[in-house]
């Protein structure tokens, strides 16, 4: 609110001039601007809604396994002003969601929890027993991979959004590895896990692209 001095041009005017309202108040002449009209909320297109929902679906998983992404995308964001989590989202927005809006979901076959140039594990087989996930893979046929690369393994339960991980497991040339869950059957009995494996050079922190091994139930016999 502004007070208009007597004797000025506007002092004798009452009413609205453009976006200014002039009115009397307590023997004074005052002026105020008219309130701005509320902006109409823009109607979002189906394409915009689908893109937003893709990020929501991805974030639910990637945020839950963020500690693993910090290793799996570490070299991808080296010398960049970008977090490992954001790099993972950027890569996976392109190919890791399937279905039409609003029925979109993660495509486990194509999502990456690590991204790098090392030769990835080939023909991975997973067998599950009580609280134990056993992995085997083929030996490197290219002759270019280091036998000393180590496995990284991720097990993710989407129902409770928790995970188990090993960041430095067996060597590539051992052709097998095992990940045991914690000893409490209350947390793990009968739960299903999305399973990934990666190779990592422990000296340089370079990694391979992750390999999705499938969905497995923790079996109790």
C-alpha atoms as a PDB file:
ATOM      1  CA  UNK A   1       0.000   0.000   0.000  1.00  0.00           C
ATOM      2  CA  UNK A   2       1.195   3.509  -0.847  1.00  0.00           C
ATOM      3  CA  UNK A   3      -0.163   6.833   0.504  1.00  0.00           C
ATOM      4  CA  UNK A   4      -0.738   9.579  -2.083  1.00  0.00           C
ATOM      5  CA  UNK A   5       0.099  13.122  -1.005  1.00  0.00           C
ATOM      6  CA  UNK A   6      -2.611  15.783  -1.175  1.00  0.00           C
ATOM      7  CA  UNK A   7      -2.296  18.127  -4.136  1.00  0.00           C
ATOM      8  CA  UNK A   8      -0.780  15.543  -6.484  1.00  0.00           C
ATOM      9  CA  UNK A   9      -2.436  14.553  -9.744  1.00  0.00           C
ATOM     10  CA  UNK A  10      -3.652  11.209  -8.364  1.00  0.00           C
ATOM     11  CA  UNK A  11      -5.056  12.582  -5.098  1.00  0.00           C
ATOM     12  CA  UNK A  12      -8.447  13.379  -6.608  1.00  0.00           C
ATOM     13  CA  UNK A  13      -8.847  10.101  -8.463  1.00  0.00           C
ATOM     14  CA  UNK A  14     -10.682   7.056  -7.157  1.00  0.00           C
ATOM     15  CA  UNK A  15     -10.865   3.662  -8.738  1.00  0.00           C
ATOM     16  CA  UNK A  16      -8.676   1.503 -10.941  1.00  0.00           C
ATOM     17  CA  UNK A  17      -6.069   2.774 -13.351  1.00  0.00           C
ATOM     18  CA  UNK A  18      -4.379  -0.082 -15.144  1.00  0.00           C
ATOM     19  CA  UNK A  19      -2.979  -2.334 -12.431  1.00  0.00           C
ATOM     20  CA  UNK A  20      -3.298   0.323  -9.694  1.00  0.00           C
ATOM     21  CA  UNK A  21      -6.369   0.857  -7.457  1.00  0.00           C
ATOM     22  CA  UNK A  22      -6.757   4.295  -5.757  1.00  0.00           C
ATOM     23  CA  UNK A  23      -9.031   4.399  -2.694  1.00  0.00           C
ATOM     24  CA  UNK A  24      -9.665   6.422   0.501  1.00  0.00           C
ATOM     25  CA  UNK A  25      -8.573   5.030   3.831  1.00  0.00           C
ATOM     26  CA  UNK A  26      -8.710   6.852   7.221  1.00  0.00           C
ATOM     27  CA  UNK A  27      -8.848  10.315   5.619  1.00  0.00           C
ATOM     28  CA  UNK A  28      -5.911   9.455   3.353  1.00  0.00           C
ATOM     29  CA  UNK A  29      -5.766   8.578  -0.300  1.00  0.00           C
ATOM     30  CA  UNK A  30      -4.009   5.243  -0.873  1.00  0.00           C
ATOM     31  CA  UNK A  31      -2.955   3.153  -3.820  1.00  0.00           C
ATOM     32  CA  UNK A  32      -2.266  -0.538  -4.229  1.00  0.00           C
ATOM     33  CA  UNK A  33      -1.619  -2.856  -7.108  1.00  0.00           C
ATOM     34  CA  UNK A  34      -4.299  -5.302  -8.173  1.00  0.00           C
ATOM     35  CA  UNK A  35      -3.622  -8.937  -7.245  1.00  0.00           C
ATOM     36  CA  UNK A  36      -2.074 -10.998  -9.973  1.00  0.00           C
ATOM     37  CA  UNK A  37      -4.405 -13.437 -11.635  1.00  0.00           C
ATOM     38  CA  UNK A  38      -3.645 -17.012 -10.609  1.00  0.00           C
ATOM     39  CA  UNK A  39      -1.786 -18.868 -13.294  1.00  0.00           C
ATOM     40  CA  UNK A  40      -3.636 -21.728 -14.835  1.00  0.00           C
ATOM     41  CA  UNK A  41      -1.785 -24.977 -14.269  1.00  0.00           C
ATOM     42  CA  UNK A  42      -0.467 -26.193 -17.583  1.00  0.00           C
ATOM     43  CA  UNK A  43      -2.028 -29.427 -18.747  1.00  0.00           C
ATOM     44  CA  UNK A  44       0.730 -32.029 -19.076  1.00  0.00           C
ATOM     45  CA  UNK A  45       0.743 -34.177 -22.171  1.00  0.00           C
ATOM     46  CA  UNK A  46       0.717 -37.967 -21.974  1.00  0.00           C
ATOM     47  CA  UNK A  47       4.313 -37.954 -23.219  1.00  0.00           C
ATOM     48  CA  UNK A  48       5.360 -35.615 -20.393  1.00  0.00           C
ATOM     49  CA  UNK A  49       3.533 -37.731 -17.820  1.00  0.00           C
ATOM     50  CA  UNK A  50       5.140 -40.885 -19.181  1.00  0.00           C
ATOM     51  CA  UNK A  51       8.620 -39.355 -18.943  1.00  0.00           C
ATOM     52  CA  UNK A  52       7.987 -38.238 -15.371  1.00  0.00           C
ATOM     53  CA  UNK A  53       6.678 -41.662 -14.411  1.00  0.00           C
ATOM     54  CA  UNK A  54       9.728 -43.353 -15.948  1.00  0.00           C
ATOM     55  CA  UNK A  55      11.951 -41.362 -13.612  1.00  0.00           C
ATOM     56  CA  UNK A  56       9.726 -42.237 -10.651  1.00  0.00           C
ATOM     57  CA  UNK A  57       9.907 -45.964 -11.439  1.00  0.00           C
ATOM     58  CA  UNK A  58      13.675 -45.850 -11.964  1.00  0.00           C
ATOM     59  CA  UNK A  59      14.360 -43.779  -8.870  1.00  0.00           C
ATOM     60  CA  UNK A  60      12.594 -46.235  -6.616  1.00  0.00           C
ATOM     61  CA  UNK A  61      15.150 -48.910  -7.530  1.00  0.00           C
ATOM     62  CA  UNK A  62      18.288 -46.864  -8.161  1.00  0.00           C
ATOM     63  CA  UNK A  63      17.973 -44.822  -4.965  1.00  0.00           C
ATOM     64  CA  UNK A  64      17.560 -48.035  -2.980  1.00  0.00           C
ATOM     65  CA  UNK A  65      20.833 -49.484  -4.351  1.00  0.00           C
ATOM     66  CA  UNK A  66      22.736 -46.183  -4.396  1.00  0.00           C
ATOM     67  CA  UNK A  67      25.807 -47.539  -2.490  1.00  0.00           C
ATOM     68  CA  UNK A  68      26.318 -50.079  -5.276  1.00  0.00           C
ATOM     69  CA  UNK A  69      25.976 -47.391  -7.954  1.00  0.00           C
ATOM     70  CA  UNK A  70      28.737 -45.379  -6.260  1.00  0.00           C
ATOM     71  CA  UNK A  71      31.116 -48.165  -7.263  1.00  0.00           C
ATOM     72  CA  UNK A  72      29.448 -49.241 -10.492  1.00  0.00           C
ATOM     73  CA  UNK A  73      29.420 -45.740 -11.999  1.00  0.00           C
ATOM     74  CA  UNK A  74      32.476 -44.303 -10.242  1.00  0.00           C
ATOM     75  CA  UNK A  75      34.666 -44.167 -13.335  1.00  0.00           C
ATOM     76  CA  UNK A  76      31.833 -42.944 -15.556  1.00  0.00           C
ATOM     77  CA  UNK A  77      31.537 -39.730 -13.549  1.00  0.00           C
ATOM     78  CA  UNK A  78      35.247 -39.222 -12.939  1.00  0.00           C
ATOM     79  CA  UNK A  79      36.165 -35.583 -13.674  1.00  0.00           C
ATOM     80  CA  UNK A  80      32.479 -34.768 -14.296  1.00  0.00           C
ATOM     81  CA  UNK A  81      30.145 -32.582 -12.299  1.00  0.00           C
ATOM     82  CA  UNK A  82      27.685 -35.450 -12.016  1.00  0.00           C
ATOM     83  CA  UNK A  83      26.826 -37.942  -9.291  1.00  0.00           C
ATOM     84  CA  UNK A  84      26.985 -41.700  -9.861  1.00  0.00           C
ATOM     85  CA  UNK A  85      23.275 -41.915  -9.089  1.00  0.00           C
ATOM     86  CA  UNK A  86      22.405 -39.291 -11.705  1.00  0.00           C
ATOM     87  CA  UNK A  87      24.650 -40.990 -14.260  1.00  0.00           C
ATOM     88  CA  UNK A  88      22.832 -44.271 -13.640  1.00  0.00           C
ATOM     89  CA  UNK A  89      19.472 -42.560 -14.096  1.00  0.00           C
ATOM     90  CA  UNK A  90      20.598 -40.871 -17.302  1.00  0.00           C
ATOM     91  CA  UNK A  91      21.797 -44.141 -18.851  1.00  0.00           C
ATOM     92  CA  UNK A  92      18.804 -46.178 -17.751  1.00  0.00           C
ATOM     93  CA  UNK A  93      16.150 -43.645 -18.786  1.00  0.00           C
ATOM     94  CA  UNK A  94      17.022 -44.570 -22.371  1.00  0.00           C
ATOM     95  CA  UNK A  95      16.369 -48.301 -22.303  1.00  0.00           C
ATOM     96  CA  UNK A  96      15.490 -49.679 -18.858  1.00  0.00           C
ATOM     97  CA  UNK A  97      11.736 -49.021 -18.689  1.00  0.00           C
ATOM     98  CA  UNK A  98       9.128 -51.093 -20.509  1.00  0.00           C
ATOM     99  CA  UNK A  99       5.382 -50.782 -20.931  1.00  0.00           C
ATOM    100  CA  UNK A 100       3.080 -47.906 -21.805  1.00  0.00           C
ATOM    101  CA  UNK A 101       2.098 -45.158 -19.369  1.00  0.00           C
ATOM    102  CA  UNK A 102       0.763 -45.607 -16.749  1.00  0.00           C
ATOM    103  CA  UNK A 103       1.736 -49.319 -16.718  1.00  0.00           C
ATOM    104  CA  UNK A 104       5.470 -48.720 -16.893  1.00  0.00           C
ATOM    105  CA  UNK A 105       7.926 -50.946 -15.054  1.00  0.00           C
ATOM    106  CA  UNK A 106      11.619 -51.747 -14.891  1.00  0.00           C
ATOM    107  CA  UNK A 107      13.030 -53.917 -17.650  1.00  0.00           C
ATOM    108  CA  UNK A 108      15.403 -56.001 -15.547  1.00  0.00           C
ATOM    109  CA  UNK A 109      17.057 -57.501 -18.633  1.00  0.00           C
ATOM    110  CA  UNK A 110      18.398 -54.140 -19.763  1.00  0.00           C
ATOM    111  CA  UNK A 111      18.859 -52.034 -16.618  1.00  0.00           C
ATOM    112  CA  UNK A 112      22.472 -51.340 -15.596  1.00  0.00           C
ATOM    113  CA  UNK A 113      23.811 -51.105 -12.052  1.00  0.00           C
ATOM    114  CA  UNK A 114      27.374 -50.716 -13.361  1.00  0.00           C
ATOM    115  CA  UNK A 115      28.697 -49.355 -16.635  1.00  0.00           C
ATOM    116  CA  UNK A 116      32.233 -49.690 -17.919  1.00  0.00           C
ATOM    117  CA  UNK A 117      34.508 -51.141 -20.571  1.00  0.00           C
ATOM    118  CA  UNK A 118      35.867 -54.298 -18.947  1.00  0.00           C
ATOM    119  CA  UNK A 119      34.797 -57.589 -20.508  1.00  0.00           C
ATOM    120  CA  UNK A 120      31.630 -58.651 -18.739  1.00  0.00           C
ATOM    121  CA  UNK A 121      30.807 -62.081 -17.287  1.00  0.00           C
ATOM    122  CA  UNK A 122      29.536 -64.545 -19.890  1.00  0.00           C
ATOM    123  CA  UNK A 123      27.003 -67.362 -19.525  1.00  0.00           C
ATOM    124  CA  UNK A 124      26.422 -66.786 -15.836  1.00  0.00           C
ATOM    125  CA  UNK A 125      24.526 -69.539 -14.019  1.00  0.00           C
ATOM    126  CA  UNK A 126      23.012 -68.982 -10.559  1.00  0.00           C
ATOM    127  CA  UNK A 127      21.917 -71.752  -8.215  1.00  0.00           C
ATOM    128  CA  UNK A 128      20.278 -70.991  -4.892  1.00  0.00           C
ATOM    129  CA  UNK A 129      20.209 -72.979  -1.690  1.00  0.00           C
ATOM    130  CA  UNK A 130      19.442 -71.978   1.897  1.00  0.00           C
ATOM    131  CA  UNK A 131      20.638 -68.354   2.241  1.00  0.00           C
ATOM    132  CA  UNK A 132      23.324 -68.941  -0.408  1.00  0.00           C
ATOM    133  CA  UNK A 133      23.590 -67.797  -4.019  1.00  0.00           C
ATOM    134  CA  UNK A 134      26.158 -69.722  -6.069  1.00  0.00           C
ATOM    135  CA  UNK A 135      27.514 -68.246  -9.318  1.00  0.00           C
ATOM    136  CA  UNK A 136      29.477 -69.777 -12.188  1.00  0.00           C
ATOM    137  CA  UNK A 137      30.589 -68.220 -15.495  1.00  0.00           C
ATOM    138  CA  UNK A 138      32.646 -69.090 -18.562  1.00  0.00           C
ATOM    139  CA  UNK A 139      36.342 -68.359 -18.815  1.00  0.00           C
ATOM    140  CA  UNK A 140      37.380 -65.411 -20.968  1.00  0.00           C
ATOM    141  CA  UNK A 141      37.666 -66.424 -24.626  1.00  0.00           C
ATOM    142  CA  UNK A 142      39.091 -63.108 -25.842  1.00  0.00           C
ATOM    143  CA  UNK A 143      42.408 -63.272 -24.020  1.00  0.00           C
ATOM    144  CA  UNK A 144      42.031 -59.565 -23.224  1.00  0.00           C
ATOM    145  CA  UNK A 145      40.509 -59.732 -19.739  1.00  0.00           C
ATOM    146  CA  UNK A 146      42.582 -59.723 -16.572  1.00  0.00           C
ATOM    147  CA  UNK A 147      42.257 -62.979 -14.609  1.00  0.00           C
ATOM    148  CA  UNK A 148      42.527 -60.896 -11.439  1.00  0.00           C
ATOM    149  CA  UNK A 149      39.325 -58.899 -12.013  1.00  0.00           C
ATOM    150  CA  UNK A 150      36.998 -59.371  -9.059  1.00  0.00           C
ATOM    151  CA  UNK A 151      33.266 -59.949  -8.968  1.00  0.00           C
ATOM    152  CA  UNK A 152      30.739 -57.500  -7.591  1.00  0.00           C
ATOM    153  CA  UNK A 153      27.345 -59.034  -6.861  1.00  0.00           C
ATOM    154  CA  UNK A 154      24.023 -57.336  -6.142  1.00  0.00           C
ATOM    155  CA  UNK A 155      20.853 -58.982  -4.841  1.00  0.00           C
ATOM    156  CA  UNK A 156      17.814 -56.711  -4.671  1.00  0.00           C
ATOM    157  CA  UNK A 157      14.426 -57.451  -3.111  1.00  0.00           C
ATOM    158  CA  UNK A 158      11.885 -55.072  -4.646  1.00  0.00           C
ATOM    159  CA  UNK A 159       9.105 -55.869  -2.147  1.00  0.00           C
ATOM    160  CA  UNK A 160      11.087 -54.463   0.800  1.00  0.00           C
ATOM    161  CA  UNK A 161      13.566 -52.383  -1.255  1.00  0.00           C
ATOM    162  CA  UNK A 162      16.625 -53.806   0.452  1.00  0.00           C
ATOM    163  CA  UNK A 163      19.732 -55.362  -1.038  1.00  0.00           C
ATOM    164  CA  UNK A 164      22.780 -57.497  -0.344  1.00  0.00           C
ATOM    165  CA  UNK A 165      26.077 -56.824  -2.098  1.00  0.00           C
ATOM    166  CA  UNK A 166      29.637 -58.031  -2.399  1.00  0.00           C
ATOM    167  CA  UNK A 167      32.064 -55.425  -3.758  1.00  0.00           C
ATOM    168  CA  UNK A 168      35.181 -57.568  -4.085  1.00  0.00           C
ATOM    169  CA  UNK A 169      34.478 -61.255  -4.536  1.00  0.00           C
ATOM    170  CA  UNK A 170      36.155 -64.078  -6.424  1.00  0.00           C
ATOM    171  CA  UNK A 171      38.703 -63.585  -9.223  1.00  0.00           C
ATOM    172  CA  UNK A 172      37.571 -63.828 -12.834  1.00  0.00           C
ATOM    173  CA  UNK A 173      39.723 -66.928 -13.403  1.00  0.00           C
ATOM    174  CA  UNK A 174      38.132 -68.808 -10.470  1.00  0.00           C
ATOM    175  CA  UNK A 175      34.974 -69.135 -12.583  1.00  0.00           C
ATOM    176  CA  UNK A 176      32.735 -69.283  -9.518  1.00  0.00           C
ATOM    177  CA  UNK A 177      31.655 -67.256  -6.502  1.00  0.00           C
ATOM    178  CA  UNK A 178      29.232 -67.461  -3.601  1.00  0.00           C
ATOM    179  CA  UNK A 179      27.224 -64.823  -1.788  1.00  0.00           C
ATOM    180  CA  UNK A 180      25.706 -65.784   1.556  1.00  0.00           C
ATOM    181  CA  UNK A 181      22.911 -63.698   2.987  1.00  0.00           C
ATOM    182  CA  UNK A 182      22.830 -62.811   6.673  1.00  0.00           C
ATOM    183  CA  UNK A 183      22.061 -65.625   9.066  1.00  0.00           C
ATOM    184  CA  UNK A 184      18.575 -64.396  10.004  1.00  0.00           C
ATOM    185  CA  UNK A 185      15.921 -66.394   8.107  1.00  0.00           C
ATOM    186  CA  UNK A 186      13.255 -63.897   9.210  1.00  0.00           C
ATOM    187  CA  UNK A 187      14.590 -61.297   6.741  1.00  0.00           C
ATOM    188  CA  UNK A 188      15.418 -63.569   3.833  1.00  0.00           C
ATOM    189  CA  UNK A 189      13.399 -66.797   3.901  1.00  0.00           C
ATOM    190  CA  UNK A 190      11.321 -67.190   0.767  1.00  0.00           C
ATOM    191  CA  UNK A 191      12.111 -63.700  -0.540  1.00  0.00           C
ATOM    192  CA  UNK A 192      12.774 -63.123  -4.218  1.00  0.00           C
ATOM    193  CA  UNK A 193      15.837 -61.225  -5.432  1.00  0.00           C
ATOM    194  CA  UNK A 194      16.799 -59.597  -8.707  1.00  0.00           C
ATOM    195  CA  UNK A 195      20.409 -60.677  -9.211  1.00  0.00           C
ATOM    196  CA  UNK A 196      23.294 -58.869 -10.949  1.00  0.00           C
ATOM    197  CA  UNK A 197      27.006 -59.570 -11.374  1.00  0.00           C
ATOM    198  CA  UNK A 198      29.858 -57.274 -12.480  1.00  0.00           C
ATOM    199  CA  UNK A 199      33.626 -57.566 -12.930  1.00  0.00           C
ATOM    200  CA  UNK A 200      35.867 -54.890 -11.393  1.00  0.00           C
ATOM    201  CA  UNK A 201      39.592 -54.131 -11.664  1.00  0.00           C
ATOM    202  CA  UNK A 202      40.530 -53.568  -8.023  1.00  0.00           C
ATOM    203  CA  UNK A 203      43.547 -51.438  -8.950  1.00  0.00           C
ATOM    204  CA  UNK A 204      41.856 -48.958 -11.281  1.00  0.00           C
ATOM    205  CA  UNK A 205      38.214 -49.330 -10.165  1.00  0.00           C
ATOM    206  CA  UNK A 206      37.233 -49.870 -13.802  1.00  0.00           C
ATOM    207  CA  UNK A 207      34.189 -52.111 -14.178  1.00  0.00           C
ATOM    208  CA  UNK A 208      32.293 -54.079 -16.791  1.00  0.00           C
ATOM    209  CA  UNK A 209      28.678 -53.504 -17.657  1.00  0.00           C
ATOM    210  CA  UNK A 210      26.491 -55.337 -15.192  1.00  0.00           C
ATOM    211  CA  UNK A 211      24.860 -58.600 -16.194  1.00  0.00           C
ATOM    212  CA  UNK A 212      21.333 -59.379 -15.039  1.00  0.00           C
ATOM    213  CA  UNK A 213      21.234 -63.031 -13.968  1.00  0.00           C
ATOM    214  CA  UNK A 214      17.517 -63.346 -13.307  1.00  0.00           C
ATOM    215  CA  UNK A 215      15.004 -63.399 -10.489  1.00  0.00           C
ATOM    216  CA  UNK A 216      15.586 -66.018  -7.767  1.00  0.00           C
ATOM    217  CA  UNK A 217      13.826 -67.041  -4.573  1.00  0.00           C
ATOM    218  CA  UNK A 218      15.898 -67.696  -1.475  1.00  0.00           C
ATOM    219  CA  UNK A 219      15.105 -71.366  -1.023  1.00  0.00           C
ATOM    220  CA  UNK A 220      14.877 -73.100   2.325  1.00  0.00           C
ATOM    221  CA  UNK A 221      14.940 -76.907   2.356  1.00  0.00           C
END
